Protein backbone atom coordinates (compact mmCIF):
# COMPACT_ATOMS: atom_id res chain seq x y z
CA MET A 1 -3.87 32.64 -57.36
CA GLN A 2 -6.12 35.27 -58.91
CA HIS A 3 -4.38 38.00 -60.89
CA SER A 4 -5.35 41.63 -60.42
CA VAL A 5 -5.72 44.03 -63.32
CA ALA A 6 -6.14 47.82 -63.28
CA ILE A 7 -7.95 49.50 -66.17
CA PHE A 8 -7.81 53.26 -66.54
CA GLY A 9 -10.85 54.76 -68.17
CA GLY A 10 -14.47 53.74 -68.00
CA GLY A 11 -15.24 54.33 -71.64
CA VAL A 12 -16.49 51.69 -74.05
CA ALA A 13 -13.06 50.07 -74.52
CA GLY A 14 -12.21 50.11 -70.81
CA LEU A 15 -15.51 48.57 -69.73
CA SER A 16 -15.36 45.98 -72.51
CA ALA A 17 -11.87 44.96 -71.44
CA ALA A 18 -12.94 44.84 -67.79
CA HIS A 19 -15.90 42.60 -68.62
CA GLU A 20 -13.79 40.24 -70.72
CA LEU A 21 -11.04 39.96 -68.09
CA ALA A 22 -13.55 39.43 -65.29
CA GLU A 23 -15.13 36.57 -67.24
CA ARG A 24 -11.66 35.01 -67.55
CA GLY A 25 -11.21 35.07 -63.78
CA PHE A 26 -9.16 38.24 -63.25
CA GLN A 27 -9.83 40.59 -60.37
CA VAL A 28 -10.54 43.85 -62.24
CA ARG A 29 -10.45 47.43 -60.98
CA VAL A 30 -11.65 50.19 -63.28
CA TYR A 31 -10.36 53.66 -62.47
CA GLU A 32 -12.32 56.61 -63.76
CA ARG A 33 -11.67 60.11 -62.56
CA LYS A 34 -15.22 61.29 -63.11
CA PRO A 35 -18.17 60.21 -65.23
CA VAL A 36 -17.60 63.22 -67.45
CA PRO A 37 -14.46 62.30 -69.50
CA ALA A 38 -16.15 60.01 -72.03
CA MET A 39 -18.74 62.67 -72.87
CA TYR A 40 -16.04 65.33 -72.81
CA LEU A 41 -13.99 63.45 -75.40
CA PHE A 42 -17.08 62.81 -77.50
CA ILE A 43 -17.88 66.52 -77.59
CA LEU A 44 -14.27 67.40 -78.43
CA ASN A 45 -14.27 64.87 -81.27
CA LEU A 46 -17.59 66.14 -82.54
CA GLY A 47 -16.22 69.69 -82.44
CA GLY A 48 -13.10 68.60 -84.29
CA LEU A 49 -15.08 66.81 -86.95
CA THR A 50 -17.30 69.82 -87.57
CA LEU A 51 -15.07 72.81 -86.89
CA GLY A 52 -11.96 71.30 -88.50
CA PRO A 53 -13.42 71.34 -92.00
CA LEU A 54 -15.61 74.40 -91.39
CA LEU A 55 -13.12 76.94 -90.02
CA PRO A 56 -10.76 77.16 -93.04
CA GLY A 57 -13.74 77.92 -95.26
CA VAL A 58 -15.08 80.53 -92.85
CA PHE A 59 -11.64 82.17 -92.53
CA ASN A 60 -11.22 82.09 -96.29
CA ASP A 61 -14.66 83.59 -97.03
CA TYR A 62 -15.02 86.14 -94.24
CA LEU A 63 -11.54 86.96 -92.93
CA PHE A 64 -9.28 86.84 -95.99
CA LYS A 65 -11.99 87.12 -98.71
CA ASP A 66 -9.67 85.46 -101.21
CA GLU A 67 -9.76 81.87 -102.54
CA LYS A 68 -5.97 81.80 -102.85
CA MET A 69 -5.55 82.21 -99.08
CA ILE A 70 -6.74 78.68 -98.28
CA GLY A 71 -3.24 77.75 -97.08
CA SER A 72 -3.31 80.58 -94.57
CA SER A 73 -6.81 79.58 -93.48
CA VAL A 74 -5.70 76.00 -92.83
CA ALA A 75 -2.58 77.24 -91.00
CA LEU A 76 -4.69 79.53 -88.80
CA THR A 77 -7.08 76.67 -87.99
CA THR A 78 -4.17 74.35 -87.17
CA ALA A 79 -2.52 76.96 -84.93
CA GLY A 80 -5.76 77.58 -83.07
CA ALA A 81 -6.30 73.83 -82.58
CA ALA A 82 -2.73 73.45 -81.30
CA VAL A 83 -3.22 76.19 -78.72
CA LEU A 84 -6.51 74.63 -77.61
CA MET A 85 -4.83 71.22 -77.35
CA LEU A 86 -2.03 72.62 -75.17
CA VAL A 87 -4.52 74.35 -72.85
CA LEU A 88 -6.57 71.16 -72.46
CA PHE A 89 -3.43 69.05 -71.95
CA ARG A 90 -2.23 71.39 -69.21
CA ALA A 91 -5.65 71.33 -67.54
CA THR A 92 -5.68 67.52 -67.33
CA LEU A 93 -2.02 66.90 -66.46
CA ARG A 94 -2.26 67.31 -62.67
CA PRO A 95 -5.27 64.95 -62.21
CA TYR A 96 -3.59 62.40 -64.50
CA ARG A 97 -0.37 62.47 -62.46
CA SER A 98 -2.17 61.97 -59.16
CA HIS A 99 -4.25 59.15 -60.61
CA TYR A 100 -1.14 57.51 -62.07
CA GLN A 101 0.72 57.74 -58.75
CA LEU A 102 -2.25 56.19 -56.94
CA ALA A 103 -2.31 53.30 -59.41
CA GLN A 104 1.44 52.78 -59.08
CA SER A 105 1.23 52.67 -55.29
CA GLN A 106 -1.62 50.15 -55.45
CA ALA A 107 0.23 48.04 -58.01
CA ALA A 108 3.30 47.96 -55.75
CA ALA A 109 1.24 46.72 -52.80
CA PRO A 110 1.41 42.96 -52.30
CA VAL A 111 -1.60 41.06 -53.62
CA THR A 112 -3.02 38.48 -51.23
CA ALA A 113 -4.94 35.48 -52.47
CA ALA A 114 -8.54 35.19 -51.31
CA HIS A 115 -9.40 31.88 -49.62
């Protein structure tokens, strides 16, 4: 009997896992909403790695114009990132739920062995 495995996400880790499991004899299904998410996450991470350290300095130099306001600059950057995170989370919640429900319904379906 061949086991079936569902992998969510066609990024590097998902495709590596799919390849490894397929070599071990598993029937593998990779679910990816669109080809965009991996690049989308890369751009978000790149933005976080550049804007995260940059924004407190910019706020400190141009908004507050005082070295002693670094705590406020970091707090403002953190608050802005939190708002952005909530907006992005809300935007992806509905597609995630529908994808999750689809996977659950397919996982509940009986698996037949191929002869």
